[in-house]
Amino acid sequence: MIRFSSLALVAALLCGTAPVDAQTLRPDQASFRALYKELVETNTTLSSGSCTLAAERMAAHLRAAGYTDRDLTLFSAPDHPKEGGLVAVLPGADPKAKPILLLAHIDVVEARREDWTRDPFTFIEENGFFYARGVSDDKVQAAIFTDTMARLHGQTRPRRTVKLALTCGEETTGAFNGAQWLTQNKRDLIDAEFALNEGGGGRLDAQGKPLALGIQVSEKVYQDFTLEATNPGGHSSLPRPDNAIYQLATALGHVQAYKFPVMVDDTTRAFWTGTAKIVPSLAAAMNAVAANPQDKLAEALLGRDPLFNSTLRTTCIPTLLEGGHAQNALPQRARANVNCRIFPGVPIDTVQATLTQLVAAEGVTVTAKNREGKPIGHPAPLSAAVVGPATTLGHEMYPGLPLIPNMSTGASDSIYLAAAGIPSYGVPGILYEYDGGGIHGLNEHIRVKSVYDGRDYLFRLIQRYADAT
């Protein structure tokens, strides 16, 4: 999940500051670091890892903090024994107050040792950064939330019940998804007034200077489509004009040339107007598109940046190709996977119909993949009870940084909670690298200072939510 990604351009536009100094750890930070290291070094890839093992290890930390088996629910599906998760519950003092839910996924994207500079499953601290697969996405937040639950247990009971859900399957489309399973099978267990998840955070520039905090209140819908051309084929010495690969290539050209219409909702309007205040060179365009989505000049200026362009509209892009069956034969079949990130509220059927219209003349079919039961994205309300404490604490801990609502152009498990009636927010606090820090790529890393500062912010924020009247 890419967090607050639309501020990446901001990093290139603002000046930097001095590098972060090394820190001497407090005892509570050292304890957290050990938990974080253990979680990161537990391989949770789909191919060879086990989320179930990671969940069990986090449950052991909570038992050591005083939680009993009555407070902890380890779960997995019989046909996915290694893709389990954990729900922990800290009962509040007021049974009438609705709980809050902390959600984090513990599965990670695949990583091959031969491609990385360092072992991707060894937790390494080097030159002010932590390195490893998942050190940022999303085990940093999973570790902070687990650590927060442990710390809260040793204090005066909060007014609200606080729940933690560590789940698997966020990184793998079509696999078992723990957040979705909980909403469908254990809805009461995770019931909450609202949830805190990944997707917010904040952004640093290239020199490590803080730029802004972000709170994610909506996200695009992830949907893959198969585009397929079929043909009788034949001998390659007798070429024909309706070659399946040509058909598919021409069809993909139509997809490439098409731009979905610009859309603005309350979330992206707040994002554009908020970001305009810290990007003077594009302020006029951002304010213009916030006021009028049909402003072509503003669209042209903002659309030059891939991240801003994705914030403007639904996007569809080919990501995989497959074609032919022999080197000396005309292809009988050619396929492409086209990955779409759909603007909140737009039905999947509408996007499929647009793609079908674009490629129909080439004889190419369009089929939606793994869409059964997939909800449509709905923004969480910009509630003062959620945004207010986050903003106030942001001013206390990060003076001068704005808190900007945003729509994630990626995807997270918040979509399943929202569909189940639990508004979900990508929480601010952890400041991420301007280039994403290798998330989903090579040599994933996160700034050490960002982790400890973010841990302090999130602990204090969760305390405020839990004690709010």
Protein backbone atom coordinates (compact mmCIF):
# COMPACT_ATOMS: atom_id res chain seq x y z
CA MET A 1 0.00 0.00 0.00
CA ILE A 2 1.51 3.35 -1.05
CA ARG A 3 0.85 6.03 1.51
CA PHE A 4 0.07 9.70 0.90
CA SER A 5 1.72 9.15 -2.49
CA SER A 6 0.32 12.25 -4.17
CA LEU A 7 2.73 14.39 -2.16
CA ALA A 8 5.74 12.83 -3.87
CA LEU A 9 6.00 15.75 -6.27
CA VAL A 10 6.04 18.15 -3.33
CA ALA A 11 9.35 16.66 -2.24
CA ALA A 12 11.02 17.76 -5.43
CA LEU A 13 9.68 21.28 -5.07
CA LEU A 14 10.71 22.18 -1.52
CA CYS A 15 14.13 22.59 0.10
CA GLY A 16 15.72 20.15 2.52
CA THR A 17 17.30 20.14 5.95
CA ALA A 18 20.14 18.46 7.83
CA PRO A 19 20.25 14.68 8.23
CA VAL A 20 18.66 13.05 11.27
CA ASP A 21 20.93 12.55 14.28
CA ALA A 22 21.31 9.11 15.84
CA GLN A 23 19.05 8.43 18.82
CA THR A 24 19.68 6.86 22.20
CA LEU A 25 16.78 4.54 22.86
CA ARG A 26 14.56 4.82 25.90
CA PRO A 27 13.79 1.47 27.57
CA ASP A 28 10.28 1.42 26.10
CA GLN A 29 11.73 2.10 22.65
CA ALA A 30 14.21 -0.76 23.03
CA SER A 31 11.35 -3.10 23.92
CA PHE A 32 9.39 -1.94 20.89
CA ARG A 33 12.43 -2.38 18.64
CA ALA A 34 12.73 -6.04 19.69
CA LEU A 35 9.05 -6.65 18.89
CA TYR A 36 9.37 -4.84 15.55
CA LYS A 37 12.48 -6.85 14.65
CA GLU A 38 10.79 -10.15 15.46
CA LEU A 39 7.77 -9.30 13.32
CA VAL A 40 9.86 -8.12 10.37
CA GLU A 41 12.09 -11.21 10.51
CA THR A 42 9.07 -13.53 10.47
CA ASN A 43 8.63 -14.25 6.75
CA THR A 44 4.99 -13.61 5.79
CA THR A 45 5.17 -13.85 2.01
CA LEU A 46 2.44 -15.94 0.38
CA SER A 47 4.96 -18.27 -1.26
CA SER A 48 7.01 -19.38 1.73
CA GLY A 49 5.99 -17.46 4.84
CA SER A 50 3.37 -17.73 7.55
CA CYS A 51 1.14 -14.94 8.81
CA THR A 52 -0.20 -17.47 11.33
CA LEU A 53 3.24 -17.72 12.93
CA ALA A 54 3.61 -13.94 12.99
CA ALA A 55 0.19 -13.59 14.63
CA GLU A 56 1.11 -16.18 17.26
CA ARG A 57 4.32 -14.32 18.04
CA MET A 58 2.48 -11.01 18.46
CA ALA A 59 -0.06 -12.76 20.72
CA ALA A 60 2.85 -13.95 22.88
CA HIS A 61 3.96 -10.32 23.36
CA LEU A 62 0.45 -9.36 24.43
CA ARG A 63 0.24 -12.28 26.88
CA ALA A 64 3.50 -11.08 28.41
CA ALA A 65 1.87 -7.67 28.85
CA GLY A 66 -1.03 -9.20 30.78
CA TYR A 67 -3.59 -10.19 28.17
CA THR A 68 -5.33 -13.54 28.69
CA ASP A 69 -6.59 -16.03 26.14
CA ARG A 70 -10.06 -14.56 26.68
CA ASP A 71 -8.75 -11.27 25.24
CA LEU A 72 -7.01 -12.85 22.25
CA THR A 73 -8.52 -14.56 19.20
CA LEU A 74 -6.16 -16.31 16.81
CA PHE A 75 -7.96 -17.24 13.59
CA SER A 76 -7.35 -18.91 10.23
CA ALA A 77 -9.41 -20.62 7.55
CA PRO A 78 -8.99 -24.42 7.24
CA ASP A 79 -7.91 -24.15 3.61
CA HIS A 80 -5.45 -21.31 4.39
CA PRO A 81 -3.65 -22.48 7.53
CA LYS A 82 -0.65 -20.16 7.10
CA GLU A 83 -2.70 -17.03 6.42
CA GLY A 84 -4.13 -16.53 9.88
CA GLY A 85 -4.36 -13.45 12.03
CA LEU A 86 -5.04 -12.09 15.48
CA VAL A 87 -7.71 -9.99 17.18
CA ALA A 88 -6.91 -8.56 20.63
CA VAL A 89 -9.42 -6.71 22.81
CA LEU A 90 -8.70 -4.31 25.69
CA PRO A 91 -12.06 -3.71 27.43
CA GLY A 92 -12.88 -0.10 28.20
CA ALA A 93 -14.33 1.33 31.40
CA ASP A 94 -17.55 2.51 29.75
CA PRO A 95 -19.52 -0.37 28.20
CA LYS A 96 -21.78 2.13 26.42
CA ALA A 97 -18.90 3.77 24.54
CA LYS A 98 -18.28 2.33 21.08
CA PRO A 99 -14.83 0.74 20.57
CA ILE A 100 -12.08 1.84 18.24
CA LEU A 101 -10.27 -0.66 16.03
CA LEU A 102 -6.59 -0.72 15.05
CA LEU A 103 -6.06 -2.61 11.78
CA ALA A 104 -2.75 -3.59 10.19
CA HIS A 105 -1.79 -6.26 7.68
CA ILE A 106 1.17 -8.48 8.47
CA ASP A 107 1.68 -10.11 5.06
CA VAL A 108 4.33 -8.69 2.74
CA VAL A 109 5.20 -8.60 -0.95
CA GLU A 110 7.60 -11.26 -2.25
CA ALA A 111 11.34 -10.50 -2.11
CA ARG A 112 14.27 -12.41 -3.64
CA ARG A 113 17.61 -12.36 -1.83
CA GLU A 114 19.58 -12.28 -5.08
CA ASP A 115 17.93 -8.99 -6.06
CA TRP A 116 18.45 -7.17 -2.77
CA THR A 117 21.58 -5.48 -1.43
CA ARG A 118 20.78 -6.92 2.02
CA ASP A 119 18.89 -10.01 3.13
CA PRO A 120 15.23 -8.91 2.82
CA PHE A 121 14.23 -10.94 5.88
CA THR A 122 16.98 -9.71 8.21
CA PHE A 123 16.17 -6.56 10.17
CA ILE A 124 19.08 -4.17 9.57
CA GLU A 125 19.67 -0.68 10.97
CA GLU A 126 22.14 1.26 8.87
CA ASN A 127 22.92 4.96 8.42
CA GLY A 128 19.72 6.12 10.09
CA PHE A 129 17.40 3.69 8.28
CA PHE A 130 15.78 0.34 8.96
CA TYR A 131 15.99 -2.09 6.02
CA ALA A 132 13.98 -5.25 5.30
CA ARG A 133 10.87 -6.41 3.47
CA GLY A 134 7.85 -5.09 5.35
CA VAL A 135 9.86 -2.72 7.51
CA SER A 136 7.57 -0.02 6.16
CA ASP A 137 4.59 -1.75 4.50
CA ASP A 138 2.97 -2.54 6.86
CA LYS A 139 4.86 -4.15 9.71
CA VAL A 140 5.93 -0.80 11.14
CA GLN A 141 2.31 0.04 11.88
CA ALA A 142 1.47 -3.53 12.93
CA ALA A 143 4.35 -3.43 15.41
CA ILE A 144 3.39 0.02 16.71
CA PHE A 145 -0.24 -1.03 17.19
CA THR A 146 0.76 -4.25 18.98
CA ASP A 147 3.17 -2.31 21.17
CA THR A 148 0.46 0.29 21.88
CA MET A 149 -1.95 -2.43 23.04
CA ALA A 150 0.73 -3.76 25.38
CA ARG A 151 1.42 -0.30 26.83
CA LEU A 152 -2.26 0.53 27.28
CA HIS A 153 -2.79 -2.67 29.28
CA GLY A 154 -0.44 -1.42 31.98
CA GLN A 155 -2.26 1.90 32.42
CA THR A 156 -5.63 3.05 33.73
CA ARG A 157 -8.37 1.45 31.66
CA PRO A 158 -9.40 3.74 28.78
CA ARG A 159 -13.02 4.83 28.50
CA ARG A 160 -13.49 3.04 25.17
CA THR A 161 -12.65 -0.53 24.33
CA VAL A 162 -9.62 -0.72 22.04
CA LYS A 163 -9.33 -3.58 19.55
CA LEU A 164 -6.44 -4.72 17.39
CA ALA A 165 -6.75 -6.81 14.21
CA LEU A 166 -3.60 -8.13 12.55
CA THR A 167 -4.55 -9.71 9.23
CA CYS A 168 -3.10 -11.43 6.19
CA GLY A 169 -3.85 -11.22 2.47
CA GLU A 170 -3.77 -7.49 1.81
CA GLU A 171 -0.87 -7.78 -0.62
CA THR A 172 -2.23 -10.64 -2.75
CA THR A 173 -5.31 -10.19 -4.92
CA GLY A 174 -7.53 -13.27 -4.92
CA ALA A 175 -5.90 -14.90 -1.88
CA PHE A 176 -7.47 -15.29 1.56
CA ASN A 177 -8.00 -11.84 3.04
CA GLY A 178 -8.19 -11.73 6.83
CA ALA A 179 -9.91 -8.34 7.06
CA GLN A 180 -12.62 -9.43 4.65
CA TRP A 181 -13.02 -12.76 6.50
CA LEU A 182 -13.47 -10.96 9.82
CA THR A 183 -16.17 -8.66 8.41
CA GLN A 184 -18.03 -11.67 7.01
CA ASN A 185 -17.55 -14.15 9.86
CA LYS A 186 -16.64 -12.25 13.05
CA ARG A 187 -18.25 -8.85 12.53
CA ASP A 188 -19.15 -8.44 16.22
CA LEU A 189 -15.57 -9.19 17.26
CA ILE A 190 -14.22 -6.19 15.34
CA ASP A 191 -17.22 -3.87 15.71
CA ALA A 192 -16.09 -0.29 16.25
CA GLU A 193 -17.15 3.30 15.81
CA PHE A 194 -14.18 3.77 13.49
CA ALA A 195 -10.91 2.08 12.55
CA LEU A 196 -7.33 3.28 12.15
CA ASN A 197 -5.37 1.71 9.31
CA GLU A 198 -2.46 2.37 6.97
CA GLY A 199 -2.70 4.86 4.11
CA GLY A 200 -2.07 8.16 5.87
CA GLY A 201 1.16 9.01 7.61
CA GLY A 202 3.03 11.91 6.07
CA ARG A 203 5.85 12.80 3.73
CA LEU A 204 9.48 13.83 3.93
CA ASP A 205 11.43 15.51 1.18
CA ALA A 206 14.63 14.07 -0.31
CA GLN A 207 16.73 15.54 2.52
CA GLY A 208 14.45 14.26 5.27
CA LYS A 209 12.59 17.50 5.95
CA PRO A 210 8.93 16.99 7.00
CA LEU A 211 6.49 18.33 4.41
CA ALA A 212 2.99 17.42 5.58
CA LEU A 213 0.92 14.95 7.56
CA GLY A 214 -1.79 13.01 5.79
CA ILE A 215 -5.01 11.37 6.87
CA GLN A 216 -6.50 8.99 4.33
CA VAL A 217 -10.28 9.08 4.21
CA SER A 218 -10.90 7.28 0.93
CA GLU A 219 -9.19 5.03 -1.58
CA LYS A 220 -9.56 3.81 -5.09
CA VAL A 221 -10.98 0.39 -5.87
CA TYR A 222 -8.46 -2.14 -7.20
CA GLN A 223 -9.74 -4.18 -10.16
CA ASP A 224 -7.98 -6.33 -12.75
CA PHE A 225 -9.41 -7.05 -16.20
CA THR A 226 -8.32 -9.66 -18.75
CA LEU A 227 -8.20 -8.40 -22.33
CA GLU A 228 -8.11 -11.33 -24.74
CA ALA A 229 -7.86 -11.76 -28.50
CA THR A 230 -8.45 -15.18 -30.08
CA ASN A 231 -7.73 -16.45 -33.56
CA PRO A 232 -7.67 -19.76 -35.48
CA GLY A 233 -3.92 -19.32 -35.91
CA GLY A 234 -1.97 -21.32 -38.47
CA HIS A 235 1.52 -21.68 -39.90
CA SER A 236 3.80 -18.71 -39.34
CA SER A 237 4.92 -18.86 -42.99
CA LEU A 238 1.40 -17.78 -43.98
CA PRO A 239 0.78 -14.60 -41.99
CA ARG A 240 -2.65 -13.04 -41.85
CA PRO A 241 -3.71 -9.50 -40.92
CA ASP A 242 -5.90 -10.53 -37.97
CA ASN A 243 -3.00 -11.87 -35.90
CA ALA A 244 -4.13 -12.12 -32.28
CA ILE A 245 -1.04 -10.32 -30.99
CA TYR A 246 -1.63 -7.44 -33.40
CA GLN A 247 -5.26 -7.28 -32.32
CA LEU A 248 -4.31 -7.10 -28.67
CA ALA A 249 -1.52 -4.57 -29.26
CA THR A 250 -3.86 -2.27 -31.17
CA ALA A 251 -6.49 -2.62 -28.46
CA LEU A 252 -3.96 -1.70 -25.77
CA GLY A 253 -3.06 1.35 -27.81
CA HIS A 254 -6.68 2.47 -27.51
CA VAL A 255 -6.51 1.99 -23.74
CA GLN A 256 -3.27 3.95 -23.59
CA ALA A 257 -4.76 6.89 -25.48
CA TYR A 258 -7.92 7.10 -23.39
CA LYS A 259 -8.18 9.29 -20.30
CA PHE A 260 -11.00 8.71 -17.87
CA PRO A 261 -12.80 11.93 -16.91
CA VAL A 262 -11.52 14.11 -14.09
CA MET A 263 -13.48 13.65 -10.87
CA VAL A 264 -13.46 15.60 -7.61
CA ASP A 265 -15.16 14.68 -4.35
CA ASP A 266 -14.97 16.17 -0.86
CA THR A 267 -11.77 14.26 -0.08
CA THR A 268 -9.81 15.18 -3.19
CA ARG A 269 -11.10 18.76 -3.08
CA ALA A 270 -9.66 19.05 0.43
CA PHE A 271 -6.45 17.45 -0.81
CA TRP A 272 -6.04 19.86 -3.73
CA THR A 273 -6.76 22.98 -1.67
CA GLY A 274 -4.55 21.80 1.19
CA THR A 275 -1.64 20.84 -1.04
CA ALA A 276 -1.92 24.13 -2.96
CA LYS A 277 -0.79 25.92 0.20
CA ILE A 278 2.58 24.14 0.21
CA VAL A 279 3.19 23.92 -3.57
CA PRO A 280 3.07 27.51 -4.82
CA SER A 281 4.11 26.59 -8.37
CA LEU A 282 0.95 24.48 -8.85
CA ALA A 283 -1.36 26.27 -6.43
CA ALA A 284 -3.43 27.94 -9.17
CA ALA A 285 -3.99 24.64 -11.00
CA MET A 286 -4.88 22.78 -7.80
CA ASN A 287 -7.36 25.41 -6.69
CA ALA A 288 -8.81 25.56 -10.20
CA VAL A 289 -9.45 21.83 -10.48
CA ALA A 290 -10.92 21.79 -6.96
CA ALA A 291 -13.40 24.47 -8.06
CA ASN A 292 -14.04 23.12 -11.55
CA PRO A 293 -13.05 19.56 -12.56
CA GLN A 294 -13.62 20.53 -16.22
CA ASP A 295 -10.75 23.05 -16.19
CA LYS A 296 -8.62 21.67 -19.02
CA LEU A 297 -5.57 23.84 -18.35
CA ALA A 298 -5.45 22.76 -14.69
CA GLU A 299 -5.91 19.13 -15.75
CA ALA A 300 -3.05 19.38 -18.23
CA LEU A 301 -0.67 20.87 -15.66
CA LEU A 302 -1.47 18.41 -12.88
CA GLY A 303 -1.70 15.44 -15.23
CA ARG A 304 2.01 15.67 -16.06
CA ASP A 305 2.82 14.05 -12.73
CA PRO A 306 1.75 10.37 -12.54
CA LEU A 307 0.68 10.63 -8.92
CA PHE A 308 -1.35 13.78 -9.32
CA ASN A 309 -2.82 12.36 -12.52
CA SER A 310 -3.98 9.30 -10.61
CA THR A 311 -5.62 11.51 -8.01
CA LEU A 312 -7.59 13.22 -10.78
CA ARG A 313 -9.24 10.16 -12.30
CA THR A 314 -9.72 6.43 -12.69
CA THR A 315 -6.64 4.88 -14.31
CA CYS A 316 -6.17 1.62 -16.24
CA ILE A 317 -2.77 0.27 -17.28
CA PRO A 318 -1.53 -3.06 -18.73
CA THR A 319 0.70 -4.96 -16.30
CA LEU A 320 1.07 -8.48 -17.77
CA LEU A 321 1.20 -9.92 -21.31
CA GLU A 322 0.83 -13.46 -22.60
CA GLY A 323 0.53 -14.62 -26.20
CA GLY A 324 1.16 -17.41 -28.66
CA HIS A 325 1.92 -21.09 -28.23
CA ALA A 326 4.87 -21.81 -30.53
CA GLN A 327 7.70 -19.93 -32.21
CA ASN A 328 6.70 -21.14 -35.67
CA ALA A 329 2.93 -20.74 -35.39
CA LEU A 330 0.51 -17.86 -35.64
CA PRO A 331 -0.83 -17.00 -32.18
CA GLN A 332 -4.21 -18.48 -31.36
CA ARG A 333 -4.56 -16.38 -28.24
CA ALA A 334 -3.10 -13.21 -26.72
CA ARG A 335 -3.96 -11.86 -23.28
CA ALA A 336 -3.15 -8.81 -21.21
CA ASN A 337 -3.89 -8.01 -17.62
CA VAL A 338 -5.11 -4.43 -17.32
CA ASN A 339 -5.00 -3.10 -13.77
CA CYS A 340 -7.48 -0.34 -12.94
CA ARG A 341 -7.61 1.91 -9.89
CA ILE A 342 -11.17 3.17 -9.84
CA PHE A 343 -12.24 6.50 -8.38
CA PRO A 344 -14.43 6.03 -5.29
CA GLY A 345 -18.10 5.58 -6.11
CA VAL A 346 -17.59 4.53 -9.73
CA PRO A 347 -19.05 1.04 -10.38
CA ILE A 348 -16.72 -1.63 -11.70
CA ASP A 349 -19.28 -2.35 -14.43
CA THR A 350 -18.95 1.21 -15.71
CA VAL A 351 -15.19 0.86 -16.12
CA GLN A 352 -15.59 -2.54 -17.78
CA ALA A 353 -18.10 -1.07 -20.21
CA THR A 354 -15.67 1.73 -21.11
CA LEU A 355 -12.83 -0.73 -21.76
CA THR A 356 -15.13 -2.95 -23.82
CA GLN A 357 -16.13 -0.01 -25.99
CA LEU A 358 -12.49 0.98 -26.49
CA VAL A 359 -11.37 -2.45 -27.72
CA ALA A 360 -14.50 -3.88 -29.35
CA ALA A 361 -13.46 -2.93 -32.89
CA GLU A 362 -10.34 -5.09 -32.53
CA GLY A 363 -12.35 -8.18 -31.55
CA VAL A 364 -10.91 -8.16 -28.02
CA THR A 365 -13.00 -9.25 -25.04
CA VAL A 366 -12.86 -7.75 -21.53
CA THR A 367 -13.43 -9.87 -18.42
CA ALA A 368 -13.33 -8.70 -14.80
CA LYS A 369 -11.16 -10.86 -12.52
CA ASN A 370 -11.83 -11.72 -8.86
CA ARG A 371 -14.60 -9.19 -8.48
CA GLU A 372 -17.08 -11.36 -6.58
CA GLY A 373 -18.08 -9.63 -3.35
CA LYS A 374 -15.73 -6.70 -3.93
CA PRO A 375 -17.23 -3.56 -2.39
CA ILE A 376 -17.26 -0.10 -3.92
CA GLY A 377 -15.09 2.45 -2.14
CA HIS A 378 -16.94 4.97 0.02
CA PRO A 379 -15.09 7.85 1.71
CA ALA A 380 -15.11 8.00 5.49
CA PRO A 381 -16.67 11.20 6.85
CA LEU A 382 -14.32 14.04 7.73
CA SER A 383 -15.47 13.71 11.33
CA ALA A 384 -14.28 16.31 13.83
CA ALA A 385 -14.01 13.51 16.42
CA VAL A 386 -11.36 11.82 14.26
CA VAL A 387 -9.69 14.66 12.36
CA GLY A 388 -9.69 17.10 15.30
CA PRO A 389 -7.44 15.13 17.71
CA ALA A 390 -5.14 14.12 14.83
CA THR A 391 -4.74 17.77 13.82
CA THR A 392 -4.20 19.04 17.37
CA LEU A 393 -1.59 16.41 18.15
CA GLY A 394 0.07 17.05 14.80
CA HIS A 395 0.51 20.70 15.72
CA GLU A 396 2.00 19.68 19.06
CA MET A 397 4.48 17.14 17.70
CA TYR A 398 5.12 18.48 14.19
CA PRO A 399 4.77 22.28 14.48
CA GLY A 400 3.93 23.98 11.22
CA LEU A 401 2.99 20.84 9.29
CA PRO A 402 -0.48 20.87 7.72
CA LEU A 403 -2.74 17.83 8.03
CA ILE A 404 -4.15 17.12 4.57
CA PRO A 405 -7.00 14.67 3.86
CA ASN A 406 -6.22 12.40 0.94
CA MET A 407 -7.52 9.64 -1.27
CA SER A 408 -5.09 6.76 -1.62
CA THR A 409 -4.37 5.91 -5.24
CA GLY A 410 -3.38 2.45 -4.03
CA ALA A 411 -5.57 0.04 -2.09
CA SER A 412 -5.92 -1.22 1.46
CA ASP A 413 -8.17 -3.38 3.60
CA SER A 414 -10.12 -0.30 4.71
CA ILE A 415 -12.49 -0.97 1.84
CA TYR A 416 -13.79 -4.11 3.56
CA LEU A 417 -14.35 -2.32 6.86
CA ALA A 418 -16.16 0.54 5.15
CA ALA A 419 -18.44 -1.94 3.39
CA ALA A 420 -19.21 -3.51 6.79
CA GLY A 421 -20.20 -0.14 8.25
CA ILE A 422 -16.95 0.69 10.05
CA PRO A 423 -15.46 3.98 8.74
CA SER A 424 -11.72 3.55 8.34
CA TYR A 425 -9.00 6.19 8.33
CA GLY A 426 -5.40 5.98 7.19
CA VAL A 427 -3.85 7.42 10.30
CA PRO A 428 -1.19 10.17 10.26
CA GLY A 429 2.02 10.14 12.29
CA ILE A 430 4.70 8.12 10.47
CA LEU A 431 6.62 10.23 7.95
CA TYR A 432 7.59 8.23 4.86
CA GLU A 433 10.31 8.82 2.29
CA TYR A 434 9.58 11.08 -0.67
CA ASP A 435 10.15 8.19 -3.11
CA GLY A 436 8.20 5.60 -1.14
CA GLY A 437 11.27 3.99 0.44
CA GLY A 438 11.29 0.89 -1.76
CA ILE A 439 7.78 -0.25 -0.81
CA HIS A 440 6.89 -3.26 -3.03
CA GLY A 441 10.34 -2.91 -4.60
CA LEU A 442 13.99 -3.46 -3.77
CA ASN A 443 15.73 -2.58 -0.50
CA GLU A 444 12.62 -1.40 1.35
CA HIS A 445 13.57 1.08 4.08
CA ILE A 446 12.22 3.63 6.52
CA ARG A 447 13.91 6.35 8.54
CA VAL A 448 14.67 5.33 12.15
CA LYS A 449 13.57 8.71 13.47
CA SER A 450 10.27 8.42 11.57
CA VAL A 451 9.54 5.10 13.27
CA TYR A 452 10.13 6.31 16.83
CA ASP A 453 8.43 9.67 16.30
CA GLY A 454 5.50 7.94 14.62
CA ARG A 455 5.24 5.48 17.48
CA ASP A 456 5.01 8.34 19.98
CA TYR A 457 2.42 10.15 17.87
CA LEU A 458 0.22 7.09 17.38
CA PHE A 459 0.33 6.07 21.04
CA ARG A 460 -0.74 9.52 22.15
CA LEU A 461 -3.40 9.75 19.43
CA ILE A 462 -4.90 6.37 20.32
CA GLN A 463 -4.96 7.39 23.99
CA ARG A 464 -6.92 10.52 23.08
CA TYR A 465 -9.41 8.60 20.97
CA ALA A 466 -9.81 5.92 23.64
CA ASP A 467 -10.48 8.45 26.42
CA ALA A 468 -12.70 10.79 24.40
CA THR A 469 -16.26 11.35 25.59
